[in-house]
């Protein structure tokens, strides 16, 4: 599942992002409201974790614009603002839940799971490609009906690819999902994980294609 974390406190953003990634979510970080609004206007996410006190564009305005576009992506507001009026306005604008700072990471993860379960309750919306299916609730992949054994980083790469199945995913994008800003790893490190995934997908109805200069693409393999 793909989460947009909108938090302008860099250390807090890194801490929350690492915890969610450890729980096998794909996390993209945004440090200001204008950037978050631009991403939400063009990209698809399964959940938004939104701070209110943001630079360049207030979090409530980001939320208002999101709902004005008809986007029903679940939104969890996480903020230090203690005023009841801010909570009420956020919920009135379409937020799905509200968590005050400071908070325990276990509670944040529990609220994330609850919101994702609620959004999936309307039907089987599991991302899939060929005989590969992502189970968002179980944070696992099934291949031809069998659970696919993956390391956390293999899972992160495959999740990024299946969420954009049929579209090119840049190597730099995958590298950003796997490694922290402090890491001295090179984007070429992604090739190691792609190679491992190809071996695990061998013989199935799905394959990873290398697009030179663009990245990788997950597609259904033709007979």
C-alpha atoms as a PDB file:
ATOM      1  CA  UNK A   1       0.000   0.000   0.000  1.00  0.00           C
ATOM      2  CA  UNK A   2       1.242   3.449  -0.945  1.00  0.00           C
ATOM      3  CA  UNK A   3       1.198   6.167   1.729  1.00  0.00           C
ATOM      4  CA  UNK A   4       1.925   9.875   1.357  1.00  0.00           C
ATOM      5  CA  UNK A   5       3.429  11.246   4.572  1.00  0.00           C
ATOM      6  CA  UNK A   6       3.105  15.042   4.719  1.00  0.00           C
ATOM      7  CA  UNK A   7       5.217  16.305   7.608  1.00  0.00           C
ATOM      8  CA  UNK A   8       7.516  19.346   7.632  1.00  0.00           C
ATOM      9  CA  UNK A   9       9.593  18.256  10.641  1.00  0.00           C
ATOM     10  CA  UNK A  10      12.408  16.361   8.936  1.00  0.00           C
ATOM     11  CA  UNK A  11      13.422  14.115  11.840  1.00  0.00           C
ATOM     12  CA  UNK A  12       9.821  13.208  12.662  1.00  0.00           C
ATOM     13  CA  UNK A  13       9.159  12.488   8.987  1.00  0.00           C
ATOM     14  CA  UNK A  14      12.145  10.149   8.851  1.00  0.00           C
ATOM     15  CA  UNK A  15      11.154   8.401  12.086  1.00  0.00           C
ATOM     16  CA  UNK A  16       7.551   7.801  11.053  1.00  0.00           C
ATOM     17  CA  UNK A  17       8.561   6.901   7.507  1.00  0.00           C
ATOM     18  CA  UNK A  18      11.078   4.292   8.665  1.00  0.00           C
ATOM     19  CA  UNK A  19       8.529   2.726  11.019  1.00  0.00           C
ATOM     20  CA  UNK A  20       5.924   2.430   8.279  1.00  0.00           C
ATOM     21  CA  UNK A  21       8.450   1.075   5.797  1.00  0.00           C
ATOM     22  CA  UNK A  22       9.485  -1.521   8.380  1.00  0.00           C
ATOM     23  CA  UNK A  23       5.808  -2.515   8.456  1.00  0.00           C
ATOM     24  CA  UNK A  24       6.115  -3.005   4.668  1.00  0.00           C
ATOM     25  CA  UNK A  25       4.246   0.067   3.488  1.00  0.00           C
ATOM     26  CA  UNK A  26       5.538   2.086   0.564  1.00  0.00           C
ATOM     27  CA  UNK A  27       6.029   5.606   1.910  1.00  0.00           C
ATOM     28  CA  UNK A  28       6.570   8.821  -0.006  1.00  0.00           C
ATOM     29  CA  UNK A  29       7.476  11.917   2.012  1.00  0.00           C
ATOM     30  CA  UNK A  30       6.444  15.503   1.407  1.00  0.00           C
ATOM     31  CA  UNK A  31       7.844  18.372   3.482  1.00  0.00           C
ATOM     32  CA  UNK A  32       5.431  21.175   2.516  1.00  0.00           C
ATOM     33  CA  UNK A  33       1.821  21.686   1.569  1.00  0.00           C
ATOM     34  CA  UNK A  34       2.403  22.853  -2.000  1.00  0.00           C
ATOM     35  CA  UNK A  35       4.416  19.746  -2.857  1.00  0.00           C
ATOM     36  CA  UNK A  36       1.790  17.504  -1.239  1.00  0.00           C
ATOM     37  CA  UNK A  37      -1.017  19.198  -3.180  1.00  0.00           C
ATOM     38  CA  UNK A  38       0.856  18.726  -6.466  1.00  0.00           C
ATOM     39  CA  UNK A  39       1.481  15.031  -5.756  1.00  0.00           C
ATOM     40  CA  UNK A  40      -2.105  14.390  -4.746  1.00  0.00           C
ATOM     41  CA  UNK A  41      -3.345  16.031  -7.935  1.00  0.00           C
ATOM     42  CA  UNK A  42      -1.362  13.655 -10.160  1.00  0.00           C
ATOM     43  CA  UNK A  43      -0.572  10.496  -8.164  1.00  0.00           C
ATOM     44  CA  UNK A  44      -2.666   7.753  -6.565  1.00  0.00           C
ATOM     45  CA  UNK A  45      -2.189   6.903  -2.885  1.00  0.00           C
ATOM     46  CA  UNK A  46      -3.964   4.496  -0.560  1.00  0.00           C
ATOM     47  CA  UNK A  47      -3.629   6.767   2.469  1.00  0.00           C
ATOM     48  CA  UNK A  48      -2.470  10.300   3.358  1.00  0.00           C
ATOM     49  CA  UNK A  49      -0.946  11.147   6.744  1.00  0.00           C
ATOM     50  CA  UNK A  50      -1.275  14.917   6.932  1.00  0.00           C
ATOM     51  CA  UNK A  51       0.184  17.480   9.320  1.00  0.00           C
ATOM     52  CA  UNK A  52      -1.683  20.791   9.531  1.00  0.00           C
ATOM     53  CA  UNK A  53       1.076  23.342  10.207  1.00  0.00           C
ATOM     54  CA  UNK A  54       2.851  23.201   6.859  1.00  0.00           C
ATOM     55  CA  UNK A  55       4.950  25.660   4.891  1.00  0.00           C
ATOM     56  CA  UNK A  56       3.710  27.108   1.582  1.00  0.00           C
ATOM     57  CA  UNK A  57       0.206  25.657   1.971  1.00  0.00           C
ATOM     58  CA  UNK A  58      -1.686  24.862   5.177  1.00  0.00           C
ATOM     59  CA  UNK A  59      -2.679  21.253   5.761  1.00  0.00           C
ATOM     60  CA  UNK A  60      -6.378  22.090   5.946  1.00  0.00           C
ATOM     61  CA  UNK A  61      -6.140  23.733   2.529  1.00  0.00           C
ATOM     62  CA  UNK A  62      -4.389  20.649   1.147  1.00  0.00           C
ATOM     63  CA  UNK A  63      -7.294  18.580   2.476  1.00  0.00           C
ATOM     64  CA  UNK A  64      -9.917  20.965   1.107  1.00  0.00           C
ATOM     65  CA  UNK A  65      -8.382  20.858  -2.377  1.00  0.00           C
ATOM     66  CA  UNK A  66      -8.115  17.076  -2.268  1.00  0.00           C
ATOM     67  CA  UNK A  67     -11.791  16.623  -1.503  1.00  0.00           C
ATOM     68  CA  UNK A  68     -12.789  19.359  -3.977  1.00  0.00           C
ATOM     69  CA  UNK A  69     -11.217  17.218  -6.728  1.00  0.00           C
ATOM     70  CA  UNK A  70     -13.480  14.357  -5.696  1.00  0.00           C
ATOM     71  CA  UNK A  71     -10.574  12.355  -4.296  1.00  0.00           C
ATOM     72  CA  UNK A  72     -11.763  10.064  -1.479  1.00  0.00           C
ATOM     73  CA  UNK A  73      -8.338   8.778  -0.394  1.00  0.00           C
ATOM     74  CA  UNK A  74      -8.389   8.205   3.399  1.00  0.00           C
ATOM     75  CA  UNK A  75      -6.709  11.041   5.320  1.00  0.00           C
ATOM     76  CA  UNK A  76      -5.269  10.763   8.820  1.00  0.00           C
ATOM     77  CA  UNK A  77      -4.531  14.176  10.338  1.00  0.00           C
ATOM     78  CA  UNK A  78      -1.536  14.149  12.693  1.00  0.00           C
ATOM     79  CA  UNK A  79      -0.788  17.499  14.319  1.00  0.00           C
ATOM     80  CA  UNK A  80       0.304  19.308  17.461  1.00  0.00           C
ATOM     81  CA  UNK A  81      -2.604  21.757  17.173  1.00  0.00           C
ATOM     82  CA  UNK A  82      -4.672  21.241  20.296  1.00  0.00           C
ATOM     83  CA  UNK A  83      -7.657  23.458  19.482  1.00  0.00           C
ATOM     84  CA  UNK A  84     -10.934  21.582  19.166  1.00  0.00           C
ATOM     85  CA  UNK A  85     -11.919  23.952  16.352  1.00  0.00           C
ATOM     86  CA  UNK A  86      -9.018  22.677  14.194  1.00  0.00           C
ATOM     87  CA  UNK A  87     -10.105  19.082  14.754  1.00  0.00           C
ATOM     88  CA  UNK A  88     -13.715  19.871  13.943  1.00  0.00           C
ATOM     89  CA  UNK A  89     -12.781  21.782  10.794  1.00  0.00           C
ATOM     90  CA  UNK A  90     -10.485  19.007   9.639  1.00  0.00           C
ATOM     91  CA  UNK A  91     -13.189  16.377  10.093  1.00  0.00           C
ATOM     92  CA  UNK A  92     -15.761  18.626   8.424  1.00  0.00           C
ATOM     93  CA  UNK A  93     -13.429  19.059   5.433  1.00  0.00           C
ATOM     94  CA  UNK A  94     -13.286  15.295   4.980  1.00  0.00           C
ATOM     95  CA  UNK A  95     -10.531  13.899   7.201  1.00  0.00           C
ATOM     96  CA  UNK A  96     -11.155  10.300   8.240  1.00  0.00           C
ATOM     97  CA  UNK A  97      -9.279  10.294  11.550  1.00  0.00           C
ATOM     98  CA  UNK A  98      -7.315  12.603  13.856  1.00  0.00           C
ATOM     99  CA  UNK A  99      -4.224  11.873  15.980  1.00  0.00           C
ATOM    100  CA  UNK A 100      -2.662  14.480  18.263  1.00  0.00           C
ATOM    101  CA  UNK A 101       1.083  14.853  18.786  1.00  0.00           C
ATOM    102  CA  UNK A 102       2.958  13.508  20.608  1.00  0.00           C
ATOM    103  CA  UNK A 103       1.862   9.958  19.817  1.00  0.00           C
ATOM    104  CA  UNK A 104       3.089   6.378  20.100  1.00  0.00           C
ATOM    105  CA  UNK A 105       4.084   4.784  16.814  1.00  0.00           C
ATOM    106  CA  UNK A 106       2.011   1.686  17.672  1.00  0.00           C
ATOM    107  CA  UNK A 107      -1.134   3.810  17.835  1.00  0.00           C
ATOM    108  CA  UNK A 108      -0.311   5.473  14.518  1.00  0.00           C
ATOM    109  CA  UNK A 109       0.189   2.092  12.856  1.00  0.00           C
ATOM    110  CA  UNK A 110      -3.077   0.806  14.342  1.00  0.00           C
ATOM    111  CA  UNK A 111      -4.974   3.785  12.940  1.00  0.00           C
ATOM    112  CA  UNK A 112      -3.311   3.303   9.548  1.00  0.00           C
ATOM    113  CA  UNK A 113      -4.367  -0.355   9.484  1.00  0.00           C
ATOM    114  CA  UNK A 114      -7.929   0.552  10.477  1.00  0.00           C
ATOM    115  CA  UNK A 115      -8.274   3.194   7.759  1.00  0.00           C
ATOM    116  CA  UNK A 116      -6.856   0.882   5.103  1.00  0.00           C
ATOM    117  CA  UNK A 117      -9.188  -1.953   6.155  1.00  0.00           C
ATOM    118  CA  UNK A 118     -12.136   0.428   5.974  1.00  0.00           C
ATOM    119  CA  UNK A 119     -11.185   1.628   2.494  1.00  0.00           C
ATOM    120  CA  UNK A 120     -10.825  -1.967   1.261  1.00  0.00           C
ATOM    121  CA  UNK A 121     -14.139  -3.118   2.740  1.00  0.00           C
ATOM    122  CA  UNK A 122     -16.130  -2.228  -0.368  1.00  0.00           C
ATOM    123  CA  UNK A 123     -14.709  -5.132  -2.365  1.00  0.00           C
ATOM    124  CA  UNK A 124     -11.614  -6.979  -3.475  1.00  0.00           C
ATOM    125  CA  UNK A 125      -9.381  -4.125  -4.565  1.00  0.00           C
ATOM    126  CA  UNK A 126      -6.146  -6.065  -4.215  1.00  0.00           C
ATOM    127  CA  UNK A 127      -3.516  -4.888  -6.718  1.00  0.00           C
ATOM    128  CA  UNK A 128      -2.568  -7.692  -9.112  1.00  0.00           C
ATOM    129  CA  UNK A 129      -0.657  -8.489 -12.278  1.00  0.00           C
ATOM    130  CA  UNK A 130      -0.926 -11.879 -13.943  1.00  0.00           C
ATOM    131  CA  UNK A 131      -1.008 -14.497 -11.195  1.00  0.00           C
ATOM    132  CA  UNK A 132       0.720 -12.165  -8.729  1.00  0.00           C
ATOM    133  CA  UNK A 133      -1.584 -10.610  -6.101  1.00  0.00           C
ATOM    134  CA  UNK A 134      -0.759  -8.170  -3.315  1.00  0.00           C
ATOM    135  CA  UNK A 135      -2.623  -8.737  -0.061  1.00  0.00           C
ATOM    136  CA  UNK A 136      -2.610  -5.251   1.555  1.00  0.00           C
ATOM    137  CA  UNK A 137      -3.971  -6.400   4.907  1.00  0.00           C
ATOM    138  CA  UNK A 138      -1.467  -9.228   5.299  1.00  0.00           C
ATOM    139  CA  UNK A 139       1.415  -7.233   3.809  1.00  0.00           C
ATOM    140  CA  UNK A 140       2.272 -10.200   1.600  1.00  0.00           C
ATOM    141  CA  UNK A 141       2.245 -11.366  -2.016  1.00  0.00           C
ATOM    142  CA  UNK A 142       0.605 -14.467  -3.427  1.00  0.00           C
ATOM    143  CA  UNK A 143       1.926 -16.061  -6.623  1.00  0.00           C
ATOM    144  CA  UNK A 144      -0.416 -18.560  -8.279  1.00  0.00           C
ATOM    145  CA  UNK A 145      -2.231 -18.844  -4.945  1.00  0.00           C
ATOM    146  CA  UNK A 146       0.882 -19.502  -2.881  1.00  0.00           C
ATOM    147  CA  UNK A 147       2.530 -17.048  -0.483  1.00  0.00           C
ATOM    148  CA  UNK A 148       5.714 -15.610  -1.994  1.00  0.00           C
ATOM    149  CA  UNK A 149       8.706 -15.500   0.368  1.00  0.00           C
ATOM    150  CA  UNK A 150      10.323 -12.059   0.148  1.00  0.00           C
ATOM    151  CA  UNK A 151      12.785  -9.993   2.148  1.00  0.00           C
ATOM    152  CA  UNK A 152      11.534  -6.533   3.243  1.00  0.00           C
ATOM    153  CA  UNK A 153      13.434  -4.797   0.439  1.00  0.00           C
ATOM    154  CA  UNK A 154      12.308  -7.299  -2.184  1.00  0.00           C
ATOM    155  CA  UNK A 155       8.760  -6.699  -0.985  1.00  0.00           C
ATOM    156  CA  UNK A 156       9.181  -2.915  -1.259  1.00  0.00           C
ATOM    157  CA  UNK A 157      10.480  -3.141  -4.838  1.00  0.00           C
ATOM    158  CA  UNK A 158       7.746  -5.538  -5.945  1.00  0.00           C
ATOM    159  CA  UNK A 159       5.035  -3.476  -4.247  1.00  0.00           C
ATOM    160  CA  UNK A 160       6.188  -0.329  -6.059  1.00  0.00           C
ATOM    161  CA  UNK A 161       6.072  -2.217  -9.358  1.00  0.00           C
ATOM    162  CA  UNK A 162       2.676  -3.877  -8.872  1.00  0.00           C
ATOM    163  CA  UNK A 163       1.050  -0.608  -7.767  1.00  0.00           C
ATOM    164  CA  UNK A 164       2.111   0.813 -11.141  1.00  0.00           C
ATOM    165  CA  UNK A 165       1.782  -2.372 -13.189  1.00  0.00           C
ATOM    166  CA  UNK A 166       2.095  -1.663 -16.895  1.00  0.00           C
ATOM    167  CA  UNK A 167       3.919   1.621 -16.284  1.00  0.00           C
ATOM    168  CA  UNK A 168       7.620   2.433 -16.063  1.00  0.00           C
ATOM    169  CA  UNK A 169       9.008   2.901 -12.545  1.00  0.00           C
ATOM    170  CA  UNK A 170      12.284   4.824 -12.432  1.00  0.00           C
ATOM    171  CA  UNK A 171      15.312   3.228 -10.794  1.00  0.00           C
ATOM    172  CA  UNK A 172      15.804   6.395  -8.718  1.00  0.00           C
ATOM    173  CA  UNK A 173      12.234   6.081  -7.441  1.00  0.00           C
ATOM    174  CA  UNK A 174      12.863   2.511  -6.277  1.00  0.00           C
ATOM    175  CA  UNK A 175      16.151   3.524  -4.699  1.00  0.00           C
ATOM    176  CA  UNK A 176      14.387   6.264  -2.723  1.00  0.00           C
ATOM    177  CA  UNK A 177      11.853   3.720  -1.412  1.00  0.00           C
ATOM    178  CA  UNK A 178      14.560   1.350  -0.166  1.00  0.00           C
ATOM    179  CA  UNK A 179      17.300   3.535   1.235  1.00  0.00           C
ATOM    180  CA  UNK A 180      17.413   6.501   3.600  1.00  0.00           C
ATOM    181  CA  UNK A 181      18.766   9.887   2.632  1.00  0.00           C
ATOM    182  CA  UNK A 182      21.906   9.119   4.653  1.00  0.00           C
ATOM    183  CA  UNK A 183      22.649   5.931   2.747  1.00  0.00           C
ATOM    184  CA  UNK A 184      25.693   5.923   0.486  1.00  0.00           C
ATOM    185  CA  UNK A 185      24.212   3.188  -1.713  1.00  0.00           C
ATOM    186  CA  UNK A 186      23.991   3.786  -5.446  1.00  0.00           C
ATOM    187  CA  UNK A 187      20.822   3.446  -7.571  1.00  0.00           C
ATOM    188  CA  UNK A 188      22.481   0.458  -9.257  1.00  0.00           C
ATOM    189  CA  UNK A 189      21.920  -1.458  -5.997  1.00  0.00           C
ATOM    190  CA  UNK A 190      18.318  -1.875  -7.140  1.00  0.00           C
ATOM    191  CA  UNK A 191      19.537  -4.262  -9.839  1.00  0.00           C
ATOM    192  CA  UNK A 192      20.408  -6.810  -7.146  1.00  0.00           C
ATOM    193  CA  UNK A 193      16.832  -6.890  -5.851  1.00  0.00           C
ATOM    194  CA  UNK A 194      15.323  -6.952  -9.332  1.00  0.00           C
ATOM    195  CA  UNK A 195      17.540  -9.926 -10.205  1.00  0.00           C
ATOM    196  CA  UNK A 196      16.368 -11.781  -7.083  1.00  0.00           C
ATOM    197  CA  UNK A 197      12.729 -11.022  -7.849  1.00  0.00           C
ATOM    198  CA  UNK A 198      13.071 -12.285 -11.415  1.00  0.00           C
ATOM    199  CA  UNK A 199      14.340 -15.593 -10.078  1.00  0.00           C
ATOM    200  CA  UNK A 200      11.385 -15.865  -7.691  1.00  0.00           C
ATOM    201  CA  UNK A 201       8.891 -14.962 -10.433  1.00  0.00           C
ATOM    202  CA  UNK A 202      10.400 -17.386 -12.961  1.00  0.00           C
ATOM    203  CA  UNK A 203       7.778 -19.644 -14.528  1.00  0.00           C
ATOM    204  CA  UNK A 204       4.870 -17.431 -13.478  1.00  0.00           C
ATOM    205  CA  UNK A 205       2.539 -15.268 -15.576  1.00  0.00           C
ATOM    206  CA  UNK A 206       4.311 -12.047 -14.622  1.00  0.00           C
ATOM    207  CA  UNK A 207       7.695 -10.592 -15.446  1.00  0.00           C
ATOM    208  CA  UNK A 208       9.858  -7.551 -14.777  1.00  0.00           C
ATOM    209  CA  UNK A 209      11.021  -5.780 -17.915  1.00  0.00           C
ATOM    210  CA  UNK A 210      14.030  -3.450 -18.026  1.00  0.00           C
ATOM    211  CA  UNK A 211      13.354  -0.216 -19.915  1.00  0.00           C
ATOM    212  CA  UNK A 212      16.717   1.325 -20.701  1.00  0.00           C
ATOM    213  CA  UNK A 213      16.893   4.914 -19.523  1.00  0.00           C
ATOM    214  CA  UNK A 214      13.454   4.675 -17.891  1.00  0.00           C
ATOM    215  CA  UNK A 215      13.592   1.971 -15.217  1.00  0.00           C
ATOM    216  CA  UNK A 216      11.513  -1.166 -14.815  1.00  0.00           C
ATOM    217  CA  UNK A 217       8.016  -2.299 -15.731  1.00  0.00           C
ATOM    218  CA  UNK A 218       5.908  -5.140 -14.314  1.00  0.00           C
ATOM    219  CA  UNK A 219       3.688  -6.826 -16.882  1.00  0.00           C
ATOM    220  CA  UNK A 220       1.781 -10.026 -17.475  1.00  0.00           C
ATOM    221  CA  UNK A 221       3.937 -12.505 -19.359  1.00  0.00           C
ATOM    222  CA  UNK A 222       2.528 -13.758 -22.628  1.00  0.00           C
ATOM    223  CA  UNK A 223       2.275 -17.541 -23.113  1.00  0.00           C
END
